[in-house]
């Protein structure tokens, strides 16, 4: 991810990793707030208490936290 203040640009590898992890293509993500909103939408898709859903949400949270770290 390339970052300039609050503006971001996801590299091809970032897009592939996020797509593989969430199952959704990250489109029109140009700032950290948009990335966080995308994360919330992806996590809401995996609602429930199953083992798979909990692990998927945890993986999404950790990956997005890594991107948003200062």
C-alpha atoms as a PDB file:
ATOM      1  CA  UNK A   1       0.000   0.000   0.000  1.00  0.00           C
ATOM      2  CA  UNK A   2       1.295   3.398  -0.923  1.00  0.00           C
ATOM      3  CA  UNK A   3       0.371   6.123   1.513  1.00  0.00           C
ATOM      4  CA  UNK A   4       0.514   9.922   1.459  1.00  0.00           C
ATOM      5  CA  UNK A   5      -1.063  11.444   4.574  1.00  0.00           C
ATOM      6  CA  UNK A   6      -4.666  10.174   4.496  1.00  0.00           C
ATOM      7  CA  UNK A   7      -4.653   9.188   0.836  1.00  0.00           C
ATOM      8  CA  UNK A   8      -3.775   5.591  -0.004  1.00  0.00           C
ATOM      9  CA  UNK A   9      -3.291   3.497  -3.084  1.00  0.00           C
ATOM     10  CA  UNK A  10      -3.546  -0.261  -2.872  1.00  0.00           C
ATOM     11  CA  UNK A  11      -0.950  -2.148  -4.861  1.00  0.00           C
ATOM     12  CA  UNK A  12      -1.843  -5.157  -6.996  1.00  0.00           C
ATOM     13  CA  UNK A  13      -0.615  -7.506  -4.276  1.00  0.00           C
ATOM     14  CA  UNK A  14      -2.759  -5.701  -1.672  1.00  0.00           C
ATOM     15  CA  UNK A  15      -5.852  -5.969  -3.859  1.00  0.00           C
ATOM     16  CA  UNK A  16      -5.236  -9.672  -4.459  1.00  0.00           C
ATOM     17  CA  UNK A  17      -4.703 -10.363  -0.758  1.00  0.00           C
ATOM     18  CA  UNK A  18      -7.826  -8.453   0.301  1.00  0.00           C
ATOM     19  CA  UNK A  19      -9.879 -10.121  -2.428  1.00  0.00           C
ATOM     20  CA  UNK A  20      -8.662 -13.569  -1.378  1.00  0.00           C
ATOM     21  CA  UNK A  21      -9.342 -12.856   2.282  1.00  0.00           C
ATOM     22  CA  UNK A  22     -12.753 -11.174   2.016  1.00  0.00           C
ATOM     23  CA  UNK A  23     -14.142 -12.510  -1.236  1.00  0.00           C
ATOM     24  CA  UNK A  24     -14.857  -8.935  -2.356  1.00  0.00           C
ATOM     25  CA  UNK A  25     -12.957  -6.734  -4.775  1.00  0.00           C
ATOM     26  CA  UNK A  26     -11.784  -3.518  -3.056  1.00  0.00           C
ATOM     27  CA  UNK A  27     -12.957  -0.856  -5.515  1.00  0.00           C
ATOM     28  CA  UNK A  28     -12.722   2.936  -5.071  1.00  0.00           C
ATOM     29  CA  UNK A  29     -10.683   2.825  -1.881  1.00  0.00           C
ATOM     30  CA  UNK A  30      -8.641   6.029  -1.851  1.00  0.00           C
ATOM     31  CA  UNK A  31      -8.380   6.840   1.844  1.00  0.00           C
ATOM     32  CA  UNK A  32      -8.216   5.103   5.210  1.00  0.00           C
ATOM     33  CA  UNK A  33     -11.864   5.827   6.012  1.00  0.00           C
ATOM     34  CA  UNK A  34     -12.965   4.063   2.834  1.00  0.00           C
ATOM     35  CA  UNK A  35     -10.753   1.117   3.756  1.00  0.00           C
ATOM     36  CA  UNK A  36     -12.343   0.928   7.215  1.00  0.00           C
ATOM     37  CA  UNK A  37     -15.862   1.096   5.691  1.00  0.00           C
ATOM     38  CA  UNK A  38     -14.920  -1.718   3.314  1.00  0.00           C
ATOM     39  CA  UNK A  39     -13.678  -3.726   6.285  1.00  0.00           C
ATOM     40  CA  UNK A  40     -16.969  -3.239   8.136  1.00  0.00           C
ATOM     41  CA  UNK A  41     -18.998  -4.311   5.069  1.00  0.00           C
ATOM     42  CA  UNK A  42     -16.841  -7.397   4.619  1.00  0.00           C
ATOM     43  CA  UNK A  43     -17.103  -8.343   8.300  1.00  0.00           C
ATOM     44  CA  UNK A  44     -20.882  -7.881   8.283  1.00  0.00           C
ATOM     45  CA  UNK A  45     -21.076 -10.359   5.404  1.00  0.00           C
ATOM     46  CA  UNK A  46     -19.493 -12.987   7.660  1.00  0.00           C
ATOM     47  CA  UNK A  47     -21.997 -12.578  10.500  1.00  0.00           C
ATOM     48  CA  UNK A  48     -22.659 -15.470  12.821  1.00  0.00           C
ATOM     49  CA  UNK A  49     -21.025 -17.501  15.529  1.00  0.00           C
ATOM     50  CA  UNK A  50     -19.557 -20.298  13.473  1.00  0.00           C
ATOM     51  CA  UNK A  51     -15.869 -21.080  13.698  1.00  0.00           C
ATOM     52  CA  UNK A  52     -15.370 -20.080  10.042  1.00  0.00           C
ATOM     53  CA  UNK A  53     -17.135 -16.713  10.444  1.00  0.00           C
ATOM     54  CA  UNK A  54     -15.243 -15.806  13.610  1.00  0.00           C
ATOM     55  CA  UNK A  55     -11.870 -16.647  12.045  1.00  0.00           C
ATOM     56  CA  UNK A  56     -12.720 -14.817   8.835  1.00  0.00           C
ATOM     57  CA  UNK A  57     -13.698 -11.654  10.746  1.00  0.00           C
ATOM     58  CA  UNK A  58     -10.528 -11.891  12.859  1.00  0.00           C
ATOM     59  CA  UNK A  59      -8.370 -12.260   9.740  1.00  0.00           C
ATOM     60  CA  UNK A  60     -10.033  -9.246   8.110  1.00  0.00           C
ATOM     61  CA  UNK A  61      -9.561  -7.139  11.240  1.00  0.00           C
ATOM     62  CA  UNK A  62      -5.883  -8.024  11.579  1.00  0.00           C
ATOM     63  CA  UNK A  63      -5.130  -7.340   7.919  1.00  0.00           C
ATOM     64  CA  UNK A  64      -6.911  -3.987   7.928  1.00  0.00           C
ATOM     65  CA  UNK A  65      -5.214  -3.038  11.210  1.00  0.00           C
ATOM     66  CA  UNK A  66      -1.879  -3.775   9.569  1.00  0.00           C
ATOM     67  CA  UNK A  67      -2.764  -1.448   6.682  1.00  0.00           C
ATOM     68  CA  UNK A  68      -4.033   1.316   8.975  1.00  0.00           C
ATOM     69  CA  UNK A  69      -1.075   1.228  11.371  1.00  0.00           C
ATOM     70  CA  UNK A  70       0.841   4.478  11.462  1.00  0.00           C
END
